[in-house]
Amino acid sequence: MKKQAGFTLIELVMVIVILGILAAIAVPKYVDLSSDAEAAALKGMVGALSSGSAINYAHEKANGAGTAVGNCTDVASLMQGGLDAGYSITAGPVALNTEVSCVLTQTSSGNTASFSAIGV
């Protein structure tokens, strides 16, 4: 008789059990990444709005040619392409040469964050 080489049924079952254990440990760590991604996207958008307002204010002070910002929603027009879909800004007046806090809401998650805007 020829000697046959291969895996036994017990070896195959043990590999499947080990893979199952590894999957059970790894899946919970990666399932909740969507909320982390949404929070990071919100922080990024807040940073973009805040820096856009600051750059516009600096441009106005240096050259006298900044874009008029009289409302929190006007700050979105400072960004190339405007405000991304899925976000809304709470409207509020922005006084000339005054820093005011505006609220950005992420519509998909309902999370909010504030950013500062300076009136020009």
PDB file of N, CA and C in Angstrom:
ATOM      1  N   MET A   1       0.822  -1.191   0.000  1.00  0.00           N
ATOM      2  CA  MET A   1       0.000   0.000   0.000  1.00  0.00           C
ATOM      3  C   MET A   1       0.870   1.260   0.000  1.00  0.00           C
ATOM      4  N   LYS A   2       0.398   2.230  -0.746  1.00  0.00           N
ATOM      5  CA  LYS A   2       1.088   3.508  -0.758  1.00  0.00           C
ATOM      6  C   LYS A   2       0.709   4.308   0.476  1.00  0.00           C
ATOM      7  N   LYS A   3       1.676   5.087   0.956  1.00  0.00           N
ATOM      8  CA  LYS A   3       1.394   5.950   2.105  1.00  0.00           C
ATOM      9  C   LYS A   3       0.786   7.251   1.578  1.00  0.00           C
ATOM     10  N   GLN A   4      -0.382   7.611   2.102  1.00  0.00           N
ATOM     11  CA  GLN A   4      -1.058   8.835   1.681  1.00  0.00           C
ATOM     12  C   GLN A   4      -0.680   9.982   2.624  1.00  0.00           C
ATOM     13  N   ALA A   5      -0.424  11.136   2.051  1.00  0.00           N
ATOM     14  CA  ALA A   5      -0.101  12.311   2.856  1.00  0.00           C
ATOM     15  C   ALA A   5      -1.279  13.282   2.798  1.00  0.00           C
ATOM     16  N   GLY A   6      -1.529  13.962   3.890  1.00  0.00           N
ATOM     17  CA  GLY A   6      -2.626  14.924   3.942  1.00  0.00           C
ATOM     18  C   GLY A   6      -2.956  15.269   5.377  1.00  0.00           C
ATOM     19  N   PHE A   7      -3.944  16.129   5.529  1.00  0.00           N
ATOM     20  CA  PHE A   7      -4.362  16.537   6.862  1.00  0.00           C
ATOM     21  C   PHE A   7      -5.466  15.617   7.359  1.00  0.00           C
ATOM     22  N   THR A   8      -5.448  15.370   8.633  1.00  0.00           N
ATOM     23  CA  THR A   8      -6.514  14.558   9.225  1.00  0.00           C
ATOM     24  C   THR A   8      -7.701  15.467   9.532  1.00  0.00           C
ATOM     25  N   LEU A   9      -8.814  14.865   9.778  1.00  0.00           N
ATOM     26  CA  LEU A   9     -10.019  15.625  10.095  1.00  0.00           C
ATOM     27  C   LEU A   9      -9.829  16.428  11.381  1.00  0.00           C
ATOM     28  N   ILE A  10      -9.128  15.872  12.341  1.00  0.00           N
ATOM     29  CA  ILE A  10      -8.898  16.560  13.613  1.00  0.00           C
ATOM     30  C   ILE A  10      -8.042  17.807  13.391  1.00  0.00           C
ATOM     31  N   GLU A  11      -7.024  17.717  12.558  1.00  0.00           N
ATOM     32  CA  GLU A  11      -6.183  18.879  12.276  1.00  0.00           C
ATOM     33  C   GLU A  11      -6.987  19.990  11.590  1.00  0.00           C
ATOM     34  N   LEU A  12      -7.835  19.631  10.659  1.00  0.00           N
ATOM     35  CA  LEU A  12      -8.660  20.627   9.974  1.00  0.00           C
ATOM     36  C   LEU A  12      -9.648  21.296  10.929  1.00  0.00           C
ATOM     37  N   VAL A  13     -10.250  20.528  11.811  1.00  0.00           N
ATOM     38  CA  VAL A  13     -11.194  21.087  12.789  1.00  0.00           C
ATOM     39  C   VAL A  13     -10.466  22.029  13.740  1.00  0.00           C
ATOM     40  N   MET A  14      -9.255  21.680  14.152  1.00  0.00           N
ATOM     41  CA  MET A  14      -8.501  22.540  15.067  1.00  0.00           C
ATOM     42  C   MET A  14      -8.146  23.877  14.398  1.00  0.00           C
ATOM     43  N   VAL A  15      -7.797  23.852  13.126  1.00  0.00           N
ATOM     44  CA  VAL A  15      -7.498  25.091  12.406  1.00  0.00           C
ATOM     45  C   VAL A  15      -8.744  25.963  12.321  1.00  0.00           C
ATOM     46  N   ILE A  16      -9.882  25.359  12.047  1.00  0.00           N
ATOM     47  CA  ILE A  16     -11.132  26.117  11.974  1.00  0.00           C
ATOM     48  C   ILE A  16     -11.480  26.725  13.329  1.00  0.00           C
ATOM     49  N   VAL A  17     -11.256  25.991  14.406  1.00  0.00           N
ATOM     50  CA  VAL A  17     -11.523  26.495  15.763  1.00  0.00           C
ATOM     51  C   VAL A  17     -10.600  27.679  16.075  1.00  0.00           C
ATOM     52  N   ILE A  18      -9.342  27.563  15.740  1.00  0.00           N
ATOM     53  CA  ILE A  18      -8.388  28.653  15.991  1.00  0.00           C
ATOM     54  C   ILE A  18      -8.765  29.891  15.186  1.00  0.00           C
ATOM     55  N   LEU A  19      -9.136  29.725  13.927  1.00  0.00           N
ATOM     56  CA  LEU A  19      -9.578  30.864  13.114  1.00  0.00           C
ATOM     57  C   LEU A  19     -10.835  31.503  13.689  1.00  0.00           C
ATOM     58  N   GLY A  20     -11.736  30.695  14.202  1.00  0.00           N
ATOM     59  CA  GLY A  20     -12.946  31.221  14.834  1.00  0.00           C
ATOM     60  C   GLY A  20     -12.633  32.046  16.065  1.00  0.00           C
ATOM     61  N   ILE A  21     -11.693  31.580  16.871  1.00  0.00           N
ATOM     62  CA  ILE A  21     -11.293  32.325  18.071  1.00  0.00           C
ATOM     63  C   ILE A  21     -10.651  33.655  17.679  1.00  0.00           C
ATOM     64  N   LEU A  22      -9.768  33.646  16.698  1.00  0.00           N
ATOM     65  CA  LEU A  22      -9.131  34.879  16.238  1.00  0.00           C
ATOM     66  C   LEU A  22     -10.157  35.863  15.678  1.00  0.00           C
ATOM     67  N   ALA A  23     -11.121  35.360  14.933  1.00  0.00           N
ATOM     68  CA  ALA A  23     -12.164  36.231  14.378  1.00  0.00           C
ATOM     69  C   ALA A  23     -13.018  36.828  15.491  1.00  0.00           C
ATOM     70  N   ALA A  24     -13.341  36.050  16.507  1.00  0.00           N
ATOM     71  CA  ALA A  24     -14.156  36.547  17.615  1.00  0.00           C
ATOM     72  C   ALA A  24     -13.433  37.639  18.396  1.00  0.00           C
ATOM     73  N   ILE A  25     -12.110  37.580  18.432  1.00  0.00           N
ATOM     74  CA  ILE A  25     -11.336  38.600  19.139  1.00  0.00           C
ATOM     75  C   ILE A  25     -11.184  39.852  18.269  1.00  0.00           C
ATOM     76  N   ALA A  26     -10.971  39.679  16.973  1.00  0.00           N
ATOM     77  CA  ALA A  26     -10.659  40.807  16.096  1.00  0.00           C
ATOM     78  C   ALA A  26     -11.891  41.600  15.667  1.00  0.00           C
ATOM     79  N   VAL A  27     -13.026  40.983  15.456  1.00  0.00           N
ATOM     80  CA  VAL A  27     -14.203  41.661  14.922  1.00  0.00           C
ATOM     81  C   VAL A  27     -14.681  42.808  15.808  1.00  0.00           C
ATOM     82  N   PRO A  28     -14.800  42.673  17.120  1.00  0.00           N
ATOM     83  CA  PRO A  28     -15.272  43.812  17.922  1.00  0.00           C
ATOM     84  C   PRO A  28     -14.367  45.036  17.848  1.00  0.00           C
ATOM     85  N   LYS A  29     -13.082  44.838  17.604  1.00  0.00           N
ATOM     86  CA  LYS A  29     -12.174  45.979  17.515  1.00  0.00           C
ATOM     87  C   LYS A  29     -12.410  46.794  16.256  1.00  0.00           C
ATOM     88  N   TYR A  30     -12.888  46.175  15.182  1.00  0.00           N
ATOM     89  CA  TYR A  30     -13.061  46.861  13.914  1.00  0.00           C
ATOM     90  C   TYR A  30     -14.511  47.249  13.630  1.00  0.00           C
ATOM     91  N   VAL A  31     -15.451  46.755  14.390  1.00  0.00           N
ATOM     92  CA  VAL A  31     -16.854  47.064  14.146  1.00  0.00           C
ATOM     93  C   VAL A  31     -17.162  48.518  14.479  1.00  0.00           C
ATOM     94  N   ASP A  32     -16.564  49.054  15.527  1.00  0.00           N
ATOM     95  CA  ASP A  32     -16.897  50.387  15.999  1.00  0.00           C
ATOM     96  C   ASP A  32     -16.047  51.480  15.357  1.00  0.00           C
ATOM     97  N   LEU A  33     -15.383  51.198  14.279  1.00  0.00           N
ATOM     98  CA  LEU A  33     -14.550  52.205  13.635  1.00  0.00           C
ATOM     99  C   LEU A  33     -15.365  53.278  12.913  1.00  0.00           C
ATOM    100  N   SER A  34     -16.609  52.993  12.578  1.00  0.00           N
ATOM    101  CA  SER A  34     -17.408  53.991  11.861  1.00  0.00           C
ATOM    102  C   SER A  34     -17.682  55.214  12.726  1.00  0.00           C
ATOM    103  N   SER A  35     -17.926  55.025  14.008  1.00  0.00           N
ATOM    104  CA  SER A  35     -18.167  56.186  14.875  1.00  0.00           C
ATOM    105  C   SER A  35     -16.886  56.999  15.055  1.00  0.00           C
ATOM    106  N   ASP A  36     -15.738  56.317  15.114  1.00  0.00           N
ATOM    107  CA  ASP A  36     -14.470  57.032  15.197  1.00  0.00           C
ATOM    108  C   ASP A  36     -14.213  57.828  13.920  1.00  0.00           C
ATOM    109  N   ALA A  37     -14.560  57.248  12.786  1.00  0.00           N
ATOM    110  CA  ALA A  37     -14.368  57.935  11.506  1.00  0.00           C
ATOM    111  C   ALA A  37     -15.275  59.159  11.405  1.00  0.00           C
ATOM    112  N   GLU A  38     -16.514  59.046  11.872  1.00  0.00           N
ATOM    113  CA  GLU A  38     -17.426  60.186  11.851  1.00  0.00           C
ATOM    114  C   GLU A  38     -16.923  61.307  12.748  1.00  0.00           C
ATOM    115  N   ALA A  39     -16.409  60.948  13.927  1.00  0.00           N
ATOM    116  CA  ALA A  39     -15.880  61.954  14.849  1.00  0.00           C
ATOM    117  C   ALA A  39     -14.656  62.643  14.251  1.00  0.00           C
ATOM    118  N   ALA A  40     -13.793  61.886  13.594  1.00  0.00           N
ATOM    119  CA  ALA A  40     -12.609  62.468  12.963  1.00  0.00           C
ATOM    120  C   ALA A  40     -12.992  63.383  11.802  1.00  0.00           C
ATOM    121  N   ALA A  41     -13.999  62.990  11.032  1.00  0.00           N
ATOM    122  CA  ALA A  41     -14.462  63.833   9.929  1.00  0.00           C
ATOM    123  C   ALA A  41     -15.036  65.147  10.454  1.00  0.00           C
ATOM    124  N   LEU A  42     -15.760  65.080  11.553  1.00  0.00           N
ATOM    125  CA  LEU A  42     -16.324  66.289  12.161  1.00  0.00           C
ATOM    126  C   LEU A  42     -15.215  67.216  12.646  1.00  0.00           C
ATOM    127  N   LYS A  43     -14.196  66.651  13.285  1.00  0.00           N
ATOM    128  CA  LYS A  43     -13.072  67.463  13.753  1.00  0.00           C
ATOM    129  C   LYS A  43     -12.328  68.100  12.583  1.00  0.00           C
ATOM    130  N   GLY A  44     -12.168  67.358  11.511  1.00  0.00           N
ATOM    131  CA  GLY A  44     -11.506  67.900  10.333  1.00  0.00           C
ATOM    132  C   GLY A  44     -12.279  69.048   9.716  1.00  0.00           C
ATOM    133  N   MET A  45     -13.593  68.903   9.649  1.00  0.00           N
ATOM    134  CA  MET A  45     -14.429  69.962   9.078  1.00  0.00           C
ATOM    135  C   MET A  45     -14.397  71.207   9.971  1.00  0.00           C
ATOM    136  N   VAL A  46     -14.412  71.011  11.283  1.00  0.00           N
ATOM    137  CA  VAL A  46     -14.331  72.140  12.218  1.00  0.00           C
ATOM    138  C   VAL A  46     -13.004  72.865  12.050  1.00  0.00           C
ATOM    139  N   GLY A  47     -11.924  72.108  11.908  1.00  0.00           N
ATOM    140  CA  GLY A  47     -10.619  72.726  11.704  1.00  0.00           C
ATOM    141  C   GLY A  47     -10.553  73.513  10.411  1.00  0.00           C
ATOM    142  N   ALA A  48     -11.146  72.970   9.354  1.00  0.00           N
ATOM    143  CA  ALA A  48     -11.149  73.661   8.065  1.00  0.00           C
ATOM    144  C   ALA A  48     -11.948  74.955   8.136  1.00  0.00           C
ATOM    145  N   LEU A  49     -13.100  74.921   8.778  1.00  0.00           N
ATOM    146  CA  LEU A  49     -13.926  76.124   8.894  1.00  0.00           C
ATOM    147  C   LEU A  49     -13.244  77.194   9.748  1.00  0.00           C
ATOM    148  N   SER A  50     -12.656  76.764  10.854  1.00  0.00           N
ATOM    149  CA  SER A  50     -11.995  77.705  11.754  1.00  0.00           C
ATOM    150  C   SER A  50     -10.781  78.348  11.088  1.00  0.00           C
ATOM    151  N   SER A  51      -9.972  77.543  10.429  1.00  0.00           N
ATOM    152  CA  SER A  51      -8.785  78.106   9.776  1.00  0.00           C
ATOM    153  C   SER A  51      -9.173  78.951   8.563  1.00  0.00           C
ATOM    154  N   GLY A  52     -10.216  78.569   7.855  1.00  0.00           N
ATOM    155  CA  GLY A  52     -10.685  79.382   6.736  1.00  0.00           C
ATOM    156  C   GLY A  52     -11.120  80.760   7.191  1.00  0.00           C
ATOM    157  N   SER A  53     -11.803  80.809   8.323  1.00  0.00           N
ATOM    158  CA  SER A  53     -12.239  82.100   8.869  1.00  0.00           C
ATOM    159  C   SER A  53     -11.038  82.935   9.303  1.00  0.00           C
ATOM    160  N   ALA A  54     -10.066  82.295   9.938  1.00  0.00           N
ATOM    161  CA  ALA A  54      -8.873  83.023  10.390  1.00  0.00           C
ATOM    162  C   ALA A  54      -8.053  83.538   9.212  1.00  0.00           C
ATOM    163  N   ILE A  55      -7.923  82.733   8.167  1.00  0.00           N
ATOM    164  CA  ILE A  55      -7.181  83.163   6.980  1.00  0.00           C
ATOM    165  C   ILE A  55      -7.899  84.326   6.293  1.00  0.00           C
ATOM    166  N   ASN A  56      -9.218  84.256   6.223  1.00  0.00           N
ATOM    167  CA  ASN A  56      -9.996  85.337   5.620  1.00  0.00           C
ATOM    168  C   ASN A  56      -9.828  86.634   6.414  1.00  0.00           C
ATOM    169  N   TYR A  57      -9.846  86.524   7.735  1.00  0.00           N
ATOM    170  CA  TYR A  57      -9.674  87.701   8.586  1.00  0.00           C
ATOM    171  C   TYR A  57      -8.273  88.292   8.398  1.00  0.00           C
ATOM    172  N   ALA A  58      -7.250  87.446   8.342  1.00  0.00           N
ATOM    173  CA  ALA A  58      -5.883  87.923   8.137  1.00  0.00           C
ATOM    174  C   ALA A  58      -5.731  88.582   6.770  1.00  0.00           C
ATOM    175  N   HIS A  59      -6.377  87.996   5.767  1.00  0.00           N
ATOM    176  CA  HIS A  59      -6.325  88.581   4.423  1.00  0.00           C
ATOM    177  C   HIS A  59      -6.998  89.963   4.409  1.00  0.00           C
ATOM    178  N   GLU A  60      -8.081  90.096   5.119  1.00  0.00           N
ATOM    179  CA  GLU A  60      -8.775  91.387   5.208  1.00  0.00           C
ATOM    180  C   GLU A  60      -7.889  92.423   5.902  1.00  0.00           C
ATOM    181  N   LYS A  61      -7.243  92.041   6.982  1.00  0.00           N
ATOM    182  CA  LYS A  61      -6.405  92.981   7.724  1.00  0.00           C
ATOM    183  C   LYS A  61      -5.151  93.356   6.932  1.00  0.00           C
ATOM    184  N   ALA A  62      -4.600  92.412   6.180  1.00  0.00           N
ATOM    185  CA  ALA A  62      -3.376  92.683   5.428  1.00  0.00           C
ATOM    186  C   ALA A  62      -3.647  93.444   4.140  1.00  0.00           C
ATOM    187  N   ASN A  63      -4.695  93.048   3.423  1.00  0.00           N
ATOM    188  CA  ASN A  63      -4.931  93.613   2.089  1.00  0.00           C
ATOM    189  C   ASN A  63      -6.231  94.394   1.960  1.00  0.00           C
ATOM    190  N   GLY A  64      -7.104  94.262   2.936  1.00  0.00           N
ATOM    191  CA  GLY A  64      -8.398  94.925   2.841  1.00  0.00           C
ATOM    192  C   GLY A  64      -9.318  94.304   1.807  1.00  0.00           C
ATOM    193  N   ALA A  65      -9.113  93.019   1.514  1.00  0.00           N
ATOM    194  CA  ALA A  65      -9.899  92.380   0.457  1.00  0.00           C
ATOM    195  C   ALA A  65     -10.456  91.029   0.890  1.00  0.00           C
ATOM    196  N   GLY A  66     -10.839  90.907   2.153  1.00  0.00           N
ATOM    197  CA  GLY A  66     -11.408  89.645   2.617  1.00  0.00           C
ATOM    198  C   GLY A  66     -12.845  89.477   2.157  1.00  0.00           C
ATOM    199  N   THR A  67     -13.346  88.265   2.220  1.00  0.00           N
ATOM    200  CA  THR A  67     -14.733  87.973   1.872  1.00  0.00           C
ATOM    201  C   THR A  67     -15.629  88.342   3.051  1.00  0.00           C
ATOM    202  N   ALA A  68     -16.722  89.002   2.789  1.00  0.00           N
ATOM    203  CA  ALA A  68     -17.619  89.446   3.850  1.00  0.00           C
ATOM    204  C   ALA A  68     -18.208  88.252   4.593  1.00  0.00           C
ATOM    205  N   VAL A  69     -18.086  88.279   5.915  1.00  0.00           N
ATOM    206  CA  VAL A  69     -18.651  87.240   6.774  1.00  0.00           C
ATOM    207  C   VAL A  69     -19.494  87.942   7.825  1.00  0.00           C
ATOM    208  N   GLY A  70     -20.807  87.799   7.728  1.00  0.00           N
ATOM    209  CA  GLY A  70     -21.707  88.421   8.684  1.00  0.00           C
ATOM    210  C   GLY A  70     -22.545  87.412   9.439  1.00  0.00           C
ATOM    211  N   ASN A  71     -22.398  86.124   9.072  1.00  0.00           N
ATOM    212  CA  ASN A  71     -23.196  85.068   9.670  1.00  0.00           C
ATOM    213  C   ASN A  71     -22.339  83.807   9.730  1.00  0.00           C
ATOM    214  N   CYS A  72     -22.624  82.944  10.668  1.00  0.00           N
ATOM    215  CA  CYS A  72     -21.863  81.689  10.784  1.00  0.00           C
ATOM    216  C   CYS A  72     -21.934  80.866   9.501  1.00  0.00           C
ATOM    217  N   THR A  73     -23.064  80.885   8.822  1.00  0.00           N
ATOM    218  CA  THR A  73     -23.194  80.099   7.596  1.00  0.00           C
ATOM    219  C   THR A  73     -22.351  80.662   6.458  1.00  0.00           C
ATOM    220  N   ASP A  74     -21.976  81.941   6.527  1.00  0.00           N
ATOM    221  CA  ASP A  74     -21.127  82.540   5.496  1.00  0.00           C
ATOM    222  C   ASP A  74     -19.723  81.954   5.492  1.00  0.00           C
ATOM    223  N   VAL A  75     -19.300  81.398   6.613  1.00  0.00           N
ATOM    224  CA  VAL A  75     -17.944  80.846   6.718  1.00  0.00           C
ATOM    225  C   VAL A  75     -17.769  79.677   5.751  1.00  0.00           C
ATOM    226  N   ALA A  76     -18.835  78.929   5.494  1.00  0.00           N
ATOM    227  CA  ALA A  76     -18.748  77.786   4.582  1.00  0.00           C
ATOM    228  C   ALA A  76     -18.380  78.220   3.173  1.00  0.00           C
ATOM    229  N   SER A  77     -18.731  79.447   2.795  1.00  0.00           N
ATOM    230  CA  SER A  77     -18.406  79.923   1.451  1.00  0.00           C
ATOM    231  C   SER A  77     -16.913  80.198   1.291  1.00  0.00           C
ATOM    232  N   LEU A  78     -16.188  80.252   2.386  1.00  0.00           N
ATOM    233  CA  LEU A  78     -14.746  80.488   2.323  1.00  0.00           C
ATOM    234  C   LEU A  78     -13.985  79.243   1.874  1.00  0.00           C
ATOM    235  N   MET A  79     -14.603  78.079   2.019  1.00  0.00           N
ATOM    236  CA  MET A  79     -13.940  76.826   1.654  1.00  0.00           C
ATOM    237  C   MET A  79     -14.184  76.525   0.181  1.00  0.00           C
ATOM    238  N   GLN A  80     -13.158  75.993  -0.480  1.00  0.00           N
ATOM    239  CA  GLN A  80     -13.308  75.614  -1.885  1.00  0.00           C
ATOM    240  C   GLN A  80     -14.317  74.480  -1.962  1.00  0.00           C
ATOM    241  N   GLY A  81     -15.355  74.647  -2.724  1.00  0.00           N
ATOM    242  CA  GLY A  81     -16.405  73.642  -2.831  1.00  0.00           C
ATOM    243  C   GLY A  81     -17.501  73.812  -1.804  1.00  0.00           C
ATOM    244  N   GLY A  82     -17.337  74.720  -0.865  1.00  0.00           N
ATOM    245  CA  GLY A  82     -18.357  74.965   0.147  1.00  0.00           C
ATOM    246  C   GLY A  82     -18.404  73.884   1.209  1.00  0.00           C
ATOM    247  N   LEU A  83     -19.459  73.889   1.968  1.00  0.00           N
ATOM    248  CA  LEU A  83     -19.649  72.941   3.051  1.00  0.00           C
ATOM    249  C   LEU A  83     -20.032  71.577   2.491  1.00  0.00           C
ATOM    250  N   ASP A  84     -19.391  70.530   2.978  1.00  0.00           N
ATOM    251  CA  ASP A  84     -19.695  69.183   2.508  1.00  0.00           C
ATOM    252  C   ASP A  84     -21.132  68.808   2.837  1.00  0.00           C
ATOM    253  N   ALA A  85     -21.715  67.956   2.004  1.00  0.00           N
ATOM    254  CA  ALA A  85     -23.060  67.437   2.278  1.00  0.00           C
ATOM    255  C   ALA A  85     -23.001  66.624   3.560  1.00  0.00           C
ATOM    256  N   GLY A  86     -24.034  66.692   4.343  1.00  0.00           N
ATOM    257  CA  GLY A  86     -24.061  65.945   5.593  1.00  0.00           C
ATOM    258  C   GLY A  86     -23.699  66.793   6.796  1.00  0.00           C
ATOM    259  N   TYR A  87     -23.479  68.081   6.577  1.00  0.00           N
ATOM    260  CA  TYR A  87     -23.164  68.995   7.666  1.00  0.00           C
ATOM    261  C   TYR A  87     -24.071  70.211   7.570  1.00  0.00           C
ATOM    262  N   SER A  88     -24.367  70.795   8.712  1.00  0.00           N
ATOM    263  CA  SER A  88     -25.120  72.049   8.727  1.00  0.00           C
ATOM    264  C   SER A  88     -24.537  72.947   9.807  1.00  0.00           C
ATOM    265  N   ILE A  89     -24.616  74.242   9.566  1.00  0.00           N
ATOM    266  CA  ILE A  89     -24.093  75.230  10.508  1.00  0.00           C
ATOM    267  C   ILE A  89     -25.264  75.990  11.095  1.00  0.00           C
ATOM    268  N   THR A  90     -25.268  76.127  12.400  1.00  0.00           N
ATOM    269  CA  THR A  90     -26.299  76.907  13.069  1.00  0.00           C
ATOM    270  C   THR A  90     -26.060  78.371  12.760  1.00  0.00           C
ATOM    271  N   ALA A  91     -27.071  79.006  12.179  1.00  0.00           N
ATOM    272  CA  ALA A  91     -26.940  80.410  11.786  1.00  0.00           C
ATOM    273  C   ALA A  91     -26.877  81.285  13.026  1.00  0.00           C
ATOM    274  N   GLY A  92     -25.985  82.230  12.980  1.00  0.00           N
ATOM    275  CA  GLY A  92     -25.851  83.187  14.064  1.00  0.00           C
ATOM    276  C   GLY A  92     -25.052  84.372  13.570  1.00  0.00           C
ATOM    277  N   PRO A  93     -25.341  85.562  14.066  1.00  0.00           N
ATOM    278  CA  PRO A  93     -24.635  86.745  13.574  1.00  0.00           C
ATOM    279  C   PRO A  93     -23.173  86.755  14.006  1.00  0.00           C
ATOM    280  N   VAL A  94     -22.328  87.238  13.125  1.00  0.00           N
ATOM    281  CA  VAL A  94     -20.911  87.412  13.405  1.00  0.00           C
ATOM    282  C   VAL A  94     -20.625  88.900  13.292  1.00  0.00           C
ATOM    283  N   ALA A  95     -20.225  89.491  14.408  1.00  0.00           N
ATOM    284  CA  ALA A  95     -19.971  90.929  14.417  1.00  0.00           C
ATOM    285  C   ALA A  95     -18.623  91.245  13.780  1.00  0.00           C
ATOM    286  N   LEU A  96     -18.522  92.433  13.243  1.00  0.00           N
ATOM    287  CA  LEU A  96     -17.308  92.886  12.581  1.00  0.00           C
ATOM    288  C   LEU A  96     -16.132  92.876  13.558  1.00  0.00           C
ATOM    289  N   ASN A  97     -15.031  92.255  13.144  1.00  0.00           N
ATOM    290  CA  ASN A  97     -13.784  92.159  13.921  1.00  0.00           C
ATOM    291  C   ASN A  97     -13.970  91.493  15.282  1.00  0.00           C
ATOM    292  N   THR A  98     -14.967  90.653  15.407  1.00  0.00           N
ATOM    293  CA  THR A  98     -15.243  89.969  16.672  1.00  0.00           C
ATOM    294  C   THR A  98     -15.280  88.463  16.433  1.00  0.00           C
ATOM    295  N   GLU A  99     -14.651  87.738  17.328  1.00  0.00           N
ATOM    296  CA  GLU A  99     -14.652  86.283  17.225  1.00  0.00           C
ATOM    297  C   GLU A  99     -15.887  85.740  17.929  1.00  0.00           C
ATOM    298  N   VAL A 100     -16.612  84.869  17.245  1.00  0.00           N
ATOM    299  CA  VAL A 100     -17.832  84.293  17.799  1.00  0.00           C
ATOM    300  C   VAL A 100     -17.785  82.785  17.602  1.00  0.00           C
ATOM    301  N   SER A 101     -18.458  82.065  18.476  1.00  0.00           N
ATOM    302  CA  SER A 101     -18.488  80.604  18.384  1.00  0.00           C
ATOM    303  C   SER A 101     -19.709  80.158  17.583  1.00  0.00           C
ATOM    304  N   CYS A 102     -19.462  79.331  16.562  1.00  0.00           N
ATOM    305  CA  CYS A 102     -20.535  78.799  15.724  1.00  0.00           C
ATOM    306  C   CYS A 102     -20.613  77.287  15.934  1.00  0.00           C
ATOM    307  N   VAL A 103     -21.769  76.689  15.660  1.00  0.00           N
ATOM    308  CA  VAL A 103     -21.966  75.258  15.886  1.00  0.00           C
ATOM    309  C   VAL A 103     -22.145  74.538  14.557  1.00  0.00           C
ATOM    310  N   LEU A 104     -21.336  73.499  14.351  1.00  0.00           N
ATOM    311  CA  LEU A 104     -21.416  72.645  13.176  1.00  0.00           C
ATOM    312  C   LEU A 104     -22.055  71.325  13.599  1.00  0.00           C
ATOM    313  N   THR A 105     -23.062  70.880  12.853  1.00  0.00           N
ATOM    314  CA  THR A 105     -23.760  69.631  13.165  1.00  0.00           C
ATOM    315  C   THR A 105     -23.549  68.635  12.036  1.00  0.00           C
ATOM    316  N   GLN A 106     -23.192  67.414  12.410  1.00  0.00           N
ATOM    317  CA  GLN A 106     -23.057  66.319  11.448  1.00  0.00           C
ATOM    318  C   GLN A 106     -24.411  65.619  11.400  1.00  0.00           C
ATOM    319  N   THR A 107     -25.105  65.722  10.268  1.00  0.00           N
ATOM    320  CA  THR A 107     -26.488  65.258  10.200  1.00  0.00           C
ATOM    321  C   THR A 107     -26.613  63.749  10.317  1.00  0.00           C
ATOM    322  N   SER A 108     -25.630  62.988   9.867  1.00  0.00           N
ATOM    323  CA  SER A 108     -25.745  61.527   9.917  1.00  0.00           C
ATOM    324  C   SER A 108     -25.686  60.992  11.337  1.00  0.00           C
ATOM    325  N   SER A 109     -24.859  61.605  12.180  1.00  0.00           N
ATOM    326  CA  SER A 109     -24.701  61.106  13.545  1.00  0.00           C
ATOM    327  C   SER A 109     -25.355  62.007  14.585  1.00  0.00           C
ATOM    328  N   GLY A 110     -25.631  63.251  14.216  1.00  0.00           N
ATOM    329  CA  GLY A 110     -26.185  64.198  15.176  1.00  0.00           C
ATOM    330  C   GLY A 110     -25.120  64.817  16.072  1.00  0.00           C
ATOM    331  N   ASN A 111     -23.846  64.486  15.858  1.00  0.00           N
ATOM    332  CA  ASN A 111     -22.768  65.052  16.658  1.00  0.00           C
ATOM    333  C   ASN A 111     -22.592  66.527  16.306  1.00  0.00           C
ATOM    334  N   THR A 112     -22.212  67.305  17.309  1.00  0.00           N
ATOM    335  CA  THR A 112     -21.979  68.720  17.085  1.00  0.00           C
ATOM    336  C   THR A 112     -20.596  69.098  17.588  1.00  0.00           C
ATOM    337  N   ALA A 113     -20.067  70.161  17.029  1.00  0.00           N
ATOM    338  CA  ALA A 113     -18.804  70.731  17.465  1.00  0.00           C
ATOM    339  C   ALA A 113     -18.857  72.219  17.179  1.00  0.00           C
ATOM    340  N   SER A 114     -18.089  72.981  17.927  1.00  0.00           N
ATOM    341  CA  SER A 114     -18.093  74.425  17.721  1.00  0.00           C
ATOM    342  C   SER A 114     -16.777  74.860  17.094  1.00  0.00           C
ATOM    343  N   PHE A 115     -16.852  75.930  16.334  1.00  0.00           N
ATOM    344  CA  PHE A 115     -15.675  76.535  15.743  1.00  0.00           C
ATOM    345  C   PHE A 115     -15.809  78.035  15.859  1.00  0.00           C
ATOM    346  N   SER A 116     -14.682  78.723  15.762  1.00  0.00           N
ATOM    347  CA  SER A 116     -14.723  80.173  15.903  1.00  0.00           C
ATOM    348  C   SER A 116     -14.689  80.831  14.532  1.00  0.00           C
ATOM    349  N   ALA A 117     -15.452  81.894  14.402  1.00  0.00           N
ATOM    350  CA  ALA A 117     -15.498  82.680  13.185  1.00  0.00           C
ATOM    351  C   ALA A 117     -15.282  84.144  13.552  1.00  0.00           C
ATOM    352  N   ILE A 118     -14.590  84.837  12.671  1.00  0.00           N
ATOM    353  CA  ILE A 118     -14.301  86.259  12.910  1.00  0.00           C
ATOM    354  C   ILE A 118     -14.969  87.063  11.806  1.00  0.00           C
ATOM    355  N   GLY A 119     -15.759  88.032  12.182  1.00  0.00           N
ATOM    356  CA  GLY A 119     -16.475  88.845  11.202  1.00  0.00           C
ATOM    357  C   GLY A 119     -15.577  89.782  10.434  1.00  0.00           C
ATOM    358  N   VAL A 120     -15.845  89.893   9.152  1.00  0.00           N
ATOM    359  CA  VAL A 120     -15.084  90.796   8.269  1.00  0.00           C
ATOM    360  C   VAL A 120     -16.086  91.698   7.572  1.00  0.00           C
TER     361      VAL A 120
END
